[in-house]
Amino acid sequence: MARKLSALFVLAAFSLFNLSCLPFSTGRAAATRTPVDPENLGPEASDLRIVGVSLKTGASFSFDKNLPARLTPDSAAVTGMTYQSLEIPDADIMNLRRNEKAEIVEIETKSGLLYKISGTTVSEGRTRYSAHGPITIPLSDVQQLWIKKSGGGGTSALTYIAAAGLALGVILLVISTSKQQPDPNPPDESCPFVYSWNGGEYVRDAEPYGAAVSEGLKRTDWIELSSLRPAGGQYLVLLTNELDETQYTDELKLVVVDHAPGVKVAADLDGRIRTFSRPLAPVRAVDRTGKDITPFIRENDLAFWLSPLEGLDPDAAGDFRDELTLEFPKPAGAKTVKLLANVWSSPWASFSGRAILELYGSSLDETYRDIDRHGPAYDQIWSWMAREDLFRLRVQVETADGWKVRGEIMGGAPFIAKDRACVLDVADVPGEALRLRLTPAANFWAVNAMTVDYGEDLPVRIAEIAAEKAIDRDRRDVRAELAATDGRYLESPYVGDRTELVFPAPPLADGLERTVLVKASGYYRIHVDASGQPQAGLIERIIGEPGFAARYTFRKYLEWEAGLRAQAAAAKH
């Protein structure tokens, strides 16, 4: 257990120092458990490069990566320059500059703050400015911080890595009181990373086939590479293993989709390209308690819904799940609807997969073999995943006959969330409202945005492109291994394994826009200690007892949080 706590200590606190851009969540209610003590933040915290902040209200702010915000230990706040909408009382204005059209373009306040004004609106006698200028956000208002760190070799990353309910103050306390050199390695429970060249650096852009932890669970993913830009008529991509696992990639290609401007495209679970030209956000979204969560899930931004963990008791009676209900408008006669979901597994879900595998001990290899030959273990795993909403999330539709499962979202990618498409049958939904329900296992999911589109798929031009160059770490040509899903794998057994890929970039026709997706097929094997005695009784409860897996892993979460607090307290003294 000590080893696990140590690894998670690095995962939650010291990963601020790895190659990632990381949000840390307070779980909205959890910040009140451990108030932030400004005296304990220390100089290390003020060195963090914050590129985004989301608030407990669902609002969010972005900061220029070249001019990031900072933590100010003396005031326990985030300070930076960002675009914002604000009121500046006339009594606070010292200098005001206008352009030749007499429009206000700059305001300097009596306290010395300078705002660049881009727009002015007046309503009911009150003036509101759209401005780029300084902002100070108390940590007590913050739900997540997005921290920018760049890696070697011209790489950087935008990833999600946080325990959903951990108080922000605890993490900052750990950072400021640690006397140890942080472990530079990322956490060791995930899947391969795909980096895209954006014209200036490689950006971590996709995590394919998450949760495919054995060959029998191998699958193909189609994931947008939103940062990819052509360079000299080519697309440059990296496939890396940065984790304590062996990765087996069977196929890796690019899928180039050219489409009308303003149209969003995404792939469904079968790789069919769906178009979204008139997406509709939910008009109402509530959690199990009736709390309005619409600000967190109405658009793809820095703010997302997380399980509220404050007061959650794994030993209490009842279903150990969250429940989210979303309402959308529905046109009369609609038979199907396309759902665009930006929904991701939490890092704790990823860690839980490792923790459960370790319970198999010396029986793990035989379990893998049974999964791979689609024996009883395979059926148990798929049934369990479908039932528990742990790594596969069911989408339910309210019909005239009650709630019906009409789709699912695959999880398993805790660091990078990309849109996934899902077509739902709504022919038996009465009235002019569509109600969807998600029942994620507690602490296993994060929901960023969900929209729907009732329109037919628009015409698109699709080209699947193989790499014209693929060189692994040993400078071997591995194009043949990645050319097709045929069981001939590119094997990456070591941390630091890296494959450089170059793809031709077809010319883009005038008047069209382009979306590029990576098509990746494979699986991975996490390196776990499989020498112990199998915990047969515990495994049976996890697989067979509804709700037990989420309860069991949440107990582990509470142990981890207690251990992190203890280490912070020990370091402080």
Foldseek 3Di string as FASTA:
>chain_A
DVVVLVLVLLQAFVLLAAQAFEKAFQLLPNQVVPPAQLVLLAPVQQPWFFQKFAFSVLDIWGHPSVWGWGQDSVQQKIKGKTWDKAFDDPVQWDDWDADPVRHTQWTAGPVGWIWGFDDWDADPRTIMTGTITMDIGHLNGTGITTTWDHDPPQEHEFWYGYQHNHHPNLSSSCSNLDPDDRDRAHRAFFAKWKWWDQPRGTYGFDGPDFPQAFFLSWAKDWFFRVRHDDDPQKIKMKIADRHQWKWWWQAKWKKKKKFFPQWDWAAARVRDIFIFNDWWFFPFKAKPVRHTPSSQARDQDDHWDAFNDVPDALPDDDFQWMKMKTKTWADPQQFKKKKKFQKEWAVLLRVLVQVLLQLQFQCNVVLSVCSNVVHPSVVLVVVQCVQAQQQKKFKWKQFPVGIDGFWIDGYRHRIHTGIHMDMGGCNRHDDGMIMIMIIHRHSTMITRYMIMHRDHGDDIDIDIWQFPAKQKPVRDTCSVSHHDNDPRTDMDNDNGIMIMTMTRNDDHDPSIDMIMIMIIITHMHRDDNRNDDRPVVVSCCSSPPHNVSSSVSVVVVVVSSVVSSVSSVVSVD
